[in-house]
Amino acid sequence: MSLYDLHNAKLNEMEGEGFAYSEKTVYGKEYKGVFFGEDEDEIEKIVDDEEEPTFEGILYDRSREREKSFSVEITDVISTPSGERADFVATEKP
């Protein structure tokens, strides 16, 4: 996998940085991504909410870079020196 640049992004209405990318799997193309936000409590609220969060930001697909918005499922939240990191998988095709 190549390395991608962080861009301004939103997870629901929370401002931060992140990106999404496509990955080929045996089941077809899957869309994954990462989001960095500074407010741990806000990310926990998003994770605990019943509704699926929406990611708005850059999607790397093949050699293209596009601004997209789509629903995601947060798979992991990790504390890092640059803020809270939320890993996600798209629940719909962007």
PDB file of N, CA and C in Angstrom:
ATOM      1  N   MET A   1       0.843  -1.175   0.000  1.00  0.00           N
ATOM      2  CA  MET A   1       0.000   0.000   0.000  1.00  0.00           C
ATOM      3  C   MET A   1       0.887   1.236   0.000  1.00  0.00           C
ATOM      4  N   SER A   2       0.533   2.191  -0.806  1.00  0.00           N
ATOM      5  CA  SER A   2       1.296   3.435  -0.828  1.00  0.00           C
ATOM      6  C   SER A   2       0.864   4.335   0.324  1.00  0.00           C
ATOM      7  N   LEU A   3       1.685   5.315   0.621  1.00  0.00           N
ATOM      8  CA  LEU A   3       1.371   6.247   1.692  1.00  0.00           C
ATOM      9  C   LEU A   3       0.532   7.395   1.150  1.00  0.00           C
ATOM     10  N   TYR A   4      -0.407   7.839   1.960  1.00  0.00           N
ATOM     11  CA  TYR A   4      -1.303   8.926   1.567  1.00  0.00           C
ATOM     12  C   TYR A   4      -1.097  10.110   2.496  1.00  0.00           C
ATOM     13  N   ASP A   5      -1.464  11.296   2.014  1.00  0.00           N
ATOM     14  CA  ASP A   5      -1.341  12.518   2.802  1.00  0.00           C
ATOM     15  C   ASP A   5      -2.623  12.778   3.581  1.00  0.00           C
ATOM     16  N   LEU A   6      -2.466  13.323   4.797  1.00  0.00           N
ATOM     17  CA  LEU A   6      -3.621  13.760   5.574  1.00  0.00           C
ATOM     18  C   LEU A   6      -4.162  15.051   4.978  1.00  0.00           C
ATOM     19  N   HIS A   7      -5.476  15.166   4.949  1.00  0.00           N
ATOM     20  CA  HIS A   7      -6.154  16.364   4.451  1.00  0.00           C
ATOM     21  C   HIS A   7      -7.211  16.773   5.469  1.00  0.00           C
ATOM     22  N   ASN A   8      -7.680  18.015   5.383  1.00  0.00           N
ATOM     23  CA  ASN A   8      -8.783  18.441   6.229  1.00  0.00           C
ATOM     24  C   ASN A   8      -9.969  17.530   5.954  1.00  0.00           C
ATOM     25  N   ALA A   9     -10.628  17.102   7.027  1.00  0.00           N
ATOM     26  CA  ALA A   9     -11.747  16.173   6.890  1.00  0.00           C
ATOM     27  C   ALA A   9     -12.723  16.395   8.037  1.00  0.00           C
ATOM     28  N   LYS A  10     -13.892  15.758   7.923  1.00  0.00           N
ATOM     29  CA  LYS A  10     -14.900  15.812   8.981  1.00  0.00           C
ATOM     30  C   LYS A  10     -15.410  14.404   9.240  1.00  0.00           C
ATOM     31  N   LEU A  11     -15.676  14.121  10.501  1.00  0.00           N
ATOM     32  CA  LEU A  11     -16.371  12.909  10.904  1.00  0.00           C
ATOM     33  C   LEU A  11     -17.611  13.417  11.607  1.00  0.00           C
ATOM     34  N   ASN A  12     -18.770  13.209  10.989  1.00  0.00           N
ATOM     35  CA  ASN A  12     -19.996  13.920  11.342  1.00  0.00           C
ATOM     36  C   ASN A  12     -19.680  15.407  11.239  1.00  0.00           C
ATOM     37  N   GLU A  13     -19.828  16.166  12.294  1.00  0.00           N
ATOM     38  CA  GLU A  13     -19.517  17.599  12.213  1.00  0.00           C
ATOM     39  C   GLU A  13     -18.176  17.941  12.860  1.00  0.00           C
ATOM     40  N   MET A  14     -17.442  16.923  13.295  1.00  0.00           N
ATOM     41  CA  MET A  14     -16.161  17.142  13.967  1.00  0.00           C
ATOM     42  C   MET A  14     -15.059  17.404  12.953  1.00  0.00           C
ATOM     43  N   GLU A  15     -14.359  18.524  13.125  1.00  0.00           N
ATOM     44  CA  GLU A  15     -13.251  18.883  12.240  1.00  0.00           C
ATOM     45  C   GLU A  15     -11.997  18.104  12.636  1.00  0.00           C
ATOM     46  N   GLY A  16     -11.198  17.747  11.633  1.00  0.00           N
ATOM     47  CA  GLY A  16      -9.946  17.053  11.890  1.00  0.00           C
ATOM     48  C   GLY A  16      -9.203  16.836  10.592  1.00  0.00           C
ATOM     49  N   GLU A  17      -8.386  15.793  10.561  1.00  0.00           N
ATOM     50  CA  GLU A  17      -7.640  15.436   9.359  1.00  0.00           C
ATOM     51  C   GLU A  17      -7.806  13.952   9.105  1.00  0.00           C
ATOM     52  N   GLY A  18      -7.757  13.577   7.836  1.00  0.00           N
ATOM     53  CA  GLY A  18      -7.859  12.165   7.519  1.00  0.00           C
ATOM     54  C   GLY A  18      -7.918  11.934   6.024  1.00  0.00           C
ATOM     55  N   PHE A  19      -8.191  10.684   5.670  1.00  0.00           N
ATOM     56  CA  PHE A  19      -8.335  10.292   4.271  1.00  0.00           C
ATOM     57  C   PHE A  19      -8.981   8.914   4.217  1.00  0.00           C
ATOM     58  N   ALA A  20      -9.468   8.566   3.045  1.00  0.00           N
ATOM     59  CA  ALA A  20      -9.995   7.224   2.785  1.00  0.00           C
ATOM     60  C   ALA A  20      -9.282   6.688   1.554  1.00  0.00           C
ATOM     61  N   TYR A  21      -9.277   5.382   1.406  1.00  0.00           N
ATOM     62  CA  TYR A  21      -8.608   4.765   0.258  1.00  0.00           C
ATOM     63  C   TYR A  21      -9.331   3.474  -0.114  1.00  0.00           C
ATOM     64  N   SER A  22      -9.165   3.070  -1.358  1.00  0.00           N
ATOM     65  CA  SER A  22      -9.761   1.813  -1.802  1.00  0.00           C
ATOM     66  C   SER A  22      -8.732   0.703  -1.689  1.00  0.00           C
ATOM     67  N   GLU A  23      -9.235  -0.495  -1.451  1.00  0.00           N
ATOM     68  CA  GLU A  23      -8.363  -1.651  -1.315  1.00  0.00           C
ATOM     69  C   GLU A  23      -9.066  -2.849  -1.956  1.00  0.00           C
ATOM     70  N   LYS A  24      -8.366  -3.561  -2.824  1.00  0.00           N
ATOM     71  CA  LYS A  24      -8.953  -4.746  -3.448  1.00  0.00           C
ATOM     72  C   LYS A  24      -8.922  -5.906  -2.459  1.00  0.00           C
ATOM     73  N   THR A  25     -10.043  -6.617  -2.355  1.00  0.00           N
ATOM     74  CA  THR A  25     -10.130  -7.808  -1.515  1.00  0.00           C
ATOM     75  C   THR A  25     -10.710  -8.938  -2.356  1.00  0.00           C
ATOM     76  N   VAL A  26     -10.770 -10.125  -1.792  1.00  0.00           N
ATOM     77  CA  VAL A  26     -11.354 -11.255  -2.520  1.00  0.00           C
ATOM     78  C   VAL A  26     -12.852 -11.054  -2.737  1.00  0.00           C
ATOM     79  N   TYR A  27     -13.472 -10.158  -1.968  1.00  0.00           N
ATOM     80  CA  TYR A  27     -14.903  -9.878  -2.091  1.00  0.00           C
ATOM     81  C   TYR A  27     -15.193  -8.660  -2.960  1.00  0.00           C
ATOM     82  N   GLY A  28     -14.184  -8.070  -3.538  1.00  0.00           N
ATOM     83  CA  GLY A  28     -14.346  -6.858  -4.335  1.00  0.00           C
ATOM     84  C   GLY A  28     -13.620  -5.702  -3.672  1.00  0.00           C
ATOM     85  N   LYS A  29     -13.931  -4.503  -4.115  1.00  0.00           N
ATOM     86  CA  LYS A  29     -13.253  -3.317  -3.595  1.00  0.00           C
ATOM     87  C   LYS A  29     -13.853  -2.919  -2.244  1.00  0.00           C
ATOM     88  N   GLU A  30     -12.978  -2.594  -1.296  1.00  0.00           N
ATOM     89  CA  GLU A  30     -13.391  -2.136   0.021  1.00  0.00           C
ATOM     90  C   GLU A  30     -12.801  -0.752   0.240  1.00  0.00           C
ATOM     91  N   TYR A  31     -13.525   0.093   0.950  1.00  0.00           N
ATOM     92  CA  TYR A  31     -13.062   1.450   1.222  1.00  0.00           C
ATOM     93  C   TYR A  31     -12.804   1.598   2.712  1.00  0.00           C
ATOM     94  N   LYS A  32     -11.570   1.947   3.055  1.00  0.00           N
ATOM     95  CA  LYS A  32     -11.157   2.110   4.447  1.00  0.00           C
ATOM     96  C   LYS A  32     -10.596   3.511   4.620  1.00  0.00           C
ATOM     97  N   GLY A  33     -10.355   3.896   5.873  1.00  0.00           N
ATOM     98  CA  GLY A  33      -9.770   5.200   6.089  1.00  0.00           C
ATOM     99  C   GLY A  33      -9.398   5.441   7.526  1.00  0.00           C
ATOM    100  N   VAL A  34      -8.894   6.627   7.762  1.00  0.00           N
ATOM    101  CA  VAL A  34      -8.456   7.037   9.086  1.00  0.00           C
ATOM    102  C   VAL A  34      -8.820   8.510   9.284  1.00  0.00           C
ATOM    103  N   PHE A  35      -9.183   8.848  10.527  1.00  0.00           N
ATOM    104  CA  PHE A  35      -9.541  10.218  10.877  1.00  0.00           C
ATOM    105  C   PHE A  35      -8.863  10.563  12.191  1.00  0.00           C
ATOM    106  N   PHE A  36      -8.212  11.727  12.257  1.00  0.00           N
ATOM    107  CA  PHE A  36      -7.587  12.218  13.477  1.00  0.00           C
ATOM    108  C   PHE A  36      -8.364  13.420  13.978  1.00  0.00           C
ATOM    109  N   GLY A  37      -8.851  13.334  15.212  1.00  0.00           N
ATOM    110  CA  GLY A  37      -9.560  14.439  15.850  1.00  0.00           C
ATOM    111  C   GLY A  37      -8.954  14.700  17.215  1.00  0.00           C
ATOM    112  N   GLU A  38      -9.129  15.900  17.737  1.00  0.00           N
ATOM    113  CA  GLU A  38      -8.501  16.253  19.007  1.00  0.00           C
ATOM    114  C   GLU A  38      -9.374  15.956  20.218  1.00  0.00           C
ATOM    115  N   ASP A  39     -10.687  15.827  20.048  1.00  0.00           N
ATOM    116  CA  ASP A  39     -11.597  15.684  21.177  1.00  0.00           C
ATOM    117  C   ASP A  39     -11.979  14.217  21.396  1.00  0.00           C
ATOM    118  N   GLU A  40     -11.362  13.599  22.402  1.00  0.00           N
ATOM    119  CA  GLU A  40     -11.608  12.183  22.705  1.00  0.00           C
ATOM    120  C   GLU A  40     -13.075  11.929  23.036  1.00  0.00           C
ATOM    121  N   ASP A  41     -13.686  12.821  23.821  1.00  0.00           N
ATOM    122  CA  ASP A  41     -15.086  12.635  24.209  1.00  0.00           C
ATOM    123  C   ASP A  41     -16.013  12.684  23.002  1.00  0.00           C
ATOM    124  N   GLU A  42     -15.730  13.598  22.075  1.00  0.00           N
ATOM    125  CA  GLU A  42     -16.575  13.725  20.876  1.00  0.00           C
ATOM    126  C   GLU A  42     -16.482  12.472  20.002  1.00  0.00           C
ATOM    127  N   ILE A  43     -15.293  11.924  19.841  1.00  0.00           N
ATOM    128  CA  ILE A  43     -15.140  10.697  19.049  1.00  0.00           C
ATOM    129  C   ILE A  43     -15.872   9.544  19.732  1.00  0.00           C
ATOM    130  N   GLU A  44     -15.790   9.459  21.062  1.00  0.00           N
ATOM    131  CA  GLU A  44     -16.501   8.398  21.788  1.00  0.00           C
ATOM    132  C   GLU A  44     -18.010   8.527  21.606  1.00  0.00           C
ATOM    133  N   LYS A  45     -18.534   9.763  21.588  1.00  0.00           N
ATOM    134  CA  LYS A  45     -19.964   9.974  21.333  1.00  0.00           C
ATOM    135  C   LYS A  45     -20.338   9.459  19.952  1.00  0.00           C
ATOM    136  N   ILE A  46     -19.498   9.744  18.965  1.00  0.00           N
ATOM    137  CA  ILE A  46     -19.762   9.299  17.596  1.00  0.00           C
ATOM    138  C   ILE A  46     -19.770   7.770  17.540  1.00  0.00           C
ATOM    139  N   VAL A  47     -18.831   7.126  18.235  1.00  0.00           N
ATOM    140  CA  VAL A  47     -18.755   5.663  18.249  1.00  0.00           C
ATOM    141  C   VAL A  47     -19.989   5.068  18.923  1.00  0.00           C
ATOM    142  N   ASP A  48     -20.425   5.670  20.023  1.00  0.00           N
ATOM    143  CA  ASP A  48     -21.553   5.140  20.791  1.00  0.00           C
ATOM    144  C   ASP A  48     -22.916   5.446  20.176  1.00  0.00           C
ATOM    145  N   ASP A  49     -22.974   6.416  19.261  1.00  0.00           N
ATOM    146  CA  ASP A  49     -24.241   6.811  18.642  1.00  0.00           C
ATOM    147  C   ASP A  49     -24.797   5.658  17.810  1.00  0.00           C
ATOM    148  N   GLU A  50     -26.118   5.548  17.780  1.00  0.00           N
ATOM    149  CA  GLU A  50     -26.781   4.487  17.019  1.00  0.00           C
ATOM    150  C   GLU A  50     -26.660   4.688  15.509  1.00  0.00           C
ATOM    151  N   GLU A  51     -26.641   5.937  15.070  1.00  0.00           N
ATOM    152  CA  GLU A  51     -26.564   6.224  13.638  1.00  0.00           C
ATOM    153  C   GLU A  51     -25.130   6.080  13.132  1.00  0.00           C
ATOM    154  N   GLU A  52     -25.010   5.698  11.861  1.00  0.00           N
ATOM    155  CA  GLU A  52     -23.679   5.595  11.258  1.00  0.00           C
ATOM    156  C   GLU A  52     -23.116   6.989  11.032  1.00  0.00           C
ATOM    157  N   PRO A  53     -21.853   7.211  11.400  1.00  0.00           N
ATOM    158  CA  PRO A  53     -21.246   8.520  11.153  1.00  0.00           C
ATOM    159  C   PRO A  53     -20.960   8.725   9.663  1.00  0.00           C
ATOM    160  N   THR A  54     -20.782   9.971   9.288  1.00  0.00           N
ATOM    161  CA  THR A  54     -20.470  10.325   7.912  1.00  0.00           C
ATOM    162  C   THR A  54     -19.062  10.913   7.848  1.00  0.00           C
ATOM    163  N   PHE A  55     -18.251  10.380   6.949  1.00  0.00           N
ATOM    164  CA  PHE A  55     -16.914  10.907   6.701  1.00  0.00           C
ATOM    165  C   PHE A  55     -16.987  11.823   5.492  1.00  0.00           C
ATOM    166  N   GLU A  56     -16.394  12.999   5.600  1.00  0.00           N
ATOM    167  CA  GLU A  56     -16.281  13.935   4.479  1.00  0.00           C
ATOM    168  C   GLU A  56     -14.810  14.260   4.318  1.00  0.00           C
ATOM    169  N   GLY A  57     -14.251  13.923   3.156  1.00  0.00           N
ATOM    170  CA  GLY A  57     -12.841  14.198   2.937  1.00  0.00           C
ATOM    171  C   GLY A  57     -12.341  13.580   1.650  1.00  0.00           C
ATOM    172  N   ILE A  58     -11.038  13.452   1.556  1.00  0.00           N
ATOM    173  CA  ILE A  58     -10.388  12.951   0.341  1.00  0.00           C
ATOM    174  C   ILE A  58     -10.449  11.420   0.293  1.00  0.00           C
ATOM    175  N   LEU A  59     -10.838  10.910  -0.861  1.00  0.00           N
ATOM    176  CA  LEU A  59     -10.817   9.478  -1.136  1.00  0.00           C
ATOM    177  C   LEU A  59      -9.783   9.226  -2.219  1.00  0.00           C
ATOM    178  N   TYR A  60      -8.804   8.375  -1.910  1.00  0.00           N
ATOM    179  CA  TYR A  60      -7.820   7.939  -2.897  1.00  0.00           C
ATOM    180  C   TYR A  60      -8.353   6.652  -3.523  1.00  0.00           C
ATOM    181  N   ASP A  61      -8.615   6.694  -4.823  1.00  0.00           N
ATOM    182  CA  ASP A  61      -9.120   5.516  -5.535  1.00  0.00           C
ATOM    183  C   ASP A  61      -8.296   5.358  -6.799  1.00  0.00           C
ATOM    184  N   ARG A  62      -7.546   4.287  -6.870  1.00  0.00           N
ATOM    185  CA  ARG A  62      -6.555   4.068  -7.929  1.00  0.00           C
ATOM    186  C   ARG A  62      -5.601   5.255  -7.923  1.00  0.00           C
ATOM    187  N   SER A  63      -5.463   5.947  -9.009  1.00  0.00           N
ATOM    188  CA  SER A  63      -4.511   7.069  -9.042  1.00  0.00           C
ATOM    189  C   SER A  63      -5.224   8.409  -8.892  1.00  0.00           C
ATOM    190  N   ARG A  64      -6.527   8.376  -8.530  1.00  0.00           N
ATOM    191  CA  ARG A  64      -7.287   9.627  -8.399  1.00  0.00           C
ATOM    192  C   ARG A  64      -7.482  10.010  -6.933  1.00  0.00           C
ATOM    193  N   GLU A  65      -7.677  11.288  -6.747  1.00  0.00           N
ATOM    194  CA  GLU A  65      -7.900  11.873  -5.433  1.00  0.00           C
ATOM    195  C   GLU A  65      -9.162  12.723  -5.551  1.00  0.00           C
ATOM    196  N   ARG A  66     -10.243  12.341  -4.833  1.00  0.00           N
ATOM    197  CA  ARG A  66     -11.518  13.055  -4.958  1.00  0.00           C
ATOM    198  C   ARG A  66     -12.095  13.391  -3.591  1.00  0.00           C
ATOM    199  N   GLU A  67     -12.835  14.483  -3.524  1.00  0.00           N
ATOM    200  CA  GLU A  67     -13.558  14.871  -2.314  1.00  0.00           C
ATOM    201  C   GLU A  67     -14.861  14.073  -2.289  1.00  0.00           C
ATOM    202  N   LYS A  68     -15.111  13.323  -1.202  1.00  0.00           N
ATOM    203  CA  LYS A  68     -16.301  12.476  -1.107  1.00  0.00           C
ATOM    204  C   LYS A  68     -16.908  12.561   0.284  1.00  0.00           C
ATOM    205  N   SER A  69     -18.166  12.154   0.380  1.00  0.00           N
ATOM    206  CA  SER A  69     -18.883  12.064   1.645  1.00  0.00           C
ATOM    207  C   SER A  69     -19.636  10.739   1.639  1.00  0.00           C
ATOM    208  N   PHE A  70     -19.470   9.932   2.696  1.00  0.00           N
ATOM    209  CA  PHE A  70     -20.132   8.628   2.745  1.00  0.00           C
ATOM    210  C   PHE A  70     -20.217   8.128   4.189  1.00  0.00           C
ATOM    211  N   SER A  71     -21.147   7.190   4.418  1.00  0.00           N
ATOM    212  CA  SER A  71     -21.339   6.598   5.742  1.00  0.00           C
ATOM    213  C   SER A  71     -20.248   5.590   6.029  1.00  0.00           C
ATOM    214  N   VAL A  72     -19.850   5.536   7.300  1.00  0.00           N
ATOM    215  CA  VAL A  72     -18.764   4.635   7.705  1.00  0.00           C
ATOM    216  C   VAL A  72     -19.121   3.917   9.004  1.00  0.00           C
ATOM    217  N   GLU A  73     -18.378   2.851   9.263  1.00  0.00           N
ATOM    218  CA  GLU A  73     -18.429   2.159  10.553  1.00  0.00           C
ATOM    219  C   GLU A  73     -17.040   2.298  11.167  1.00  0.00           C
ATOM    220  N   ILE A  74     -16.979   2.825  12.386  1.00  0.00           N
ATOM    221  CA  ILE A  74     -15.688   2.985  13.063  1.00  0.00           C
ATOM    222  C   ILE A  74     -15.289   1.633  13.637  1.00  0.00           C
ATOM    223  N   THR A  75     -14.094   1.175  13.265  1.00  0.00           N
ATOM    224  CA  THR A  75     -13.637  -0.145  13.681  1.00  0.00           C
ATOM    225  C   THR A  75     -12.680  -0.096  14.861  1.00  0.00           C
ATOM    226  N   ASP A  76     -12.019   1.047  15.081  1.00  0.00           N
ATOM    227  CA  ASP A  76     -11.053   1.144  16.175  1.00  0.00           C
ATOM    228  C   ASP A  76     -10.786   2.612  16.491  1.00  0.00           C
ATOM    229  N   VAL A  77     -10.550   2.914  17.768  1.00  0.00           N
ATOM    230  CA  VAL A  77     -10.156   4.259  18.193  1.00  0.00           C
ATOM    231  C   VAL A  77      -8.902   4.106  19.043  1.00  0.00           C
ATOM    232  N   ILE A  78      -7.857   4.860  18.691  1.00  0.00           N
ATOM    233  CA  ILE A  78      -6.559   4.760  19.358  1.00  0.00           C
ATOM    234  C   ILE A  78      -6.092   6.160  19.731  1.00  0.00           C
ATOM    235  N   SER A  79      -5.570   6.324  20.949  1.00  0.00           N
ATOM    236  CA  SER A  79      -4.980   7.609  21.354  1.00  0.00           C
ATOM    237  C   SER A  79      -3.564   7.692  20.801  1.00  0.00           C
ATOM    238  N   THR A  80      -3.244   8.805  20.137  1.00  0.00           N
ATOM    239  CA  THR A  80      -1.918   9.019  19.570  1.00  0.00           C
ATOM    240  C   THR A  80      -1.426  10.407  19.986  1.00  0.00           C
ATOM    241  N   PRO A  81      -0.144  10.696  19.819  1.00  0.00           N
ATOM    242  CA  PRO A  81       0.364  12.035  20.147  1.00  0.00           C
ATOM    243  C   PRO A  81      -0.300  13.139  19.317  1.00  0.00           C
ATOM    244  N   SER A  82      -0.810  12.809  18.123  1.00  0.00           N
ATOM    245  CA  SER A  82      -1.440  13.838  17.289  1.00  0.00           C
ATOM    246  C   SER A  82      -2.958  13.863  17.447  1.00  0.00           C
ATOM    247  N   GLY A  83      -3.496  13.223  18.483  1.00  0.00           N
ATOM    248  CA  GLY A  83      -4.926  13.236  18.739  1.00  0.00           C
ATOM    249  C   GLY A  83      -5.512  11.841  18.735  1.00  0.00           C
ATOM    250  N   GLU A  84      -6.831  11.795  18.742  1.00  0.00           N
ATOM    251  CA  GLU A  84      -7.526  10.517  18.714  1.00  0.00           C
ATOM    252  C   GLU A  84      -7.627  10.035  17.275  1.00  0.00           C
ATOM    253  N   ARG A  85      -7.259   8.795  17.039  1.00  0.00           N
ATOM    254  CA  ARG A  85      -7.297   8.223  15.693  1.00  0.00           C
ATOM    255  C   ARG A  85      -8.476   7.253  15.610  1.00  0.00           C
ATOM    256  N   ALA A  86      -9.356   7.482  14.634  1.00  0.00           N
ATOM    257  CA  ALA A  86     -10.479   6.586  14.392  1.00  0.00           C
ATOM    258  C   ALA A  86     -10.272   5.903  13.042  1.00  0.00           C
ATOM    259  N   ASP A  87     -10.173   4.576  13.058  1.00  0.00           N
ATOM    260  CA  ASP A  87     -10.092   3.801  11.816  1.00  0.00           C
ATOM    261  C   ASP A  87     -11.519   3.452  11.409  1.00  0.00           C
ATOM    262  N   PHE A  88     -11.789   3.459  10.115  1.00  0.00           N
ATOM    263  CA  PHE A  88     -13.152   3.184   9.668  1.00  0.00           C
ATOM    264  C   PHE A  88     -13.190   2.408   8.372  1.00  0.00           C
ATOM    265  N   VAL A  89     -14.378   1.835   8.116  1.00  0.00           N
ATOM    266  CA  VAL A  89     -14.664   1.112   6.870  1.00  0.00           C
ATOM    267  C   VAL A  89     -15.970   1.698   6.332  1.00  0.00           C
ATOM    268  N   ALA A  90     -16.014   1.940   5.042  1.00  0.00           N
ATOM    269  CA  ALA A  90     -17.224   2.484   4.420  1.00  0.00           C
ATOM    270  C   ALA A  90     -18.342   1.452   4.467  1.00  0.00           C
ATOM    271  N   THR A  91     -19.562   1.901   4.770  1.00  0.00           N
ATOM    272  CA  THR A  91     -20.709   1.004   4.777  1.00  0.00           C
ATOM    273  C   THR A  91     -21.520   1.126   3.491  1.00  0.00           C
ATOM    274  N   GLU A  92     -21.113   2.030   2.632  1.00  0.00           N
ATOM    275  CA  GLU A  92     -21.736   2.212   1.320  1.00  0.00           C
ATOM    276  C   GLU A  92     -20.641   2.552   0.337  1.00  0.00           C
ATOM    277  N   LYS A  93     -20.894   2.336  -0.939  1.00  0.00           N
ATOM    278  CA  LYS A  93     -19.884   2.675  -1.949  1.00  0.00           C
ATOM    279  C   LYS A  93     -19.851   4.191  -2.148  1.00  0.00           C
ATOM    280  N   PRO A  94     -18.672   4.799  -1.941  1.00  0.00           N
ATOM    281  CA  PRO A  94     -18.578   6.251  -2.099  1.00  0.00           C
ATOM    282  C   PRO A  94     -18.779   6.717  -3.539  1.00  0.00           C
TER     283      PRO A  94
END
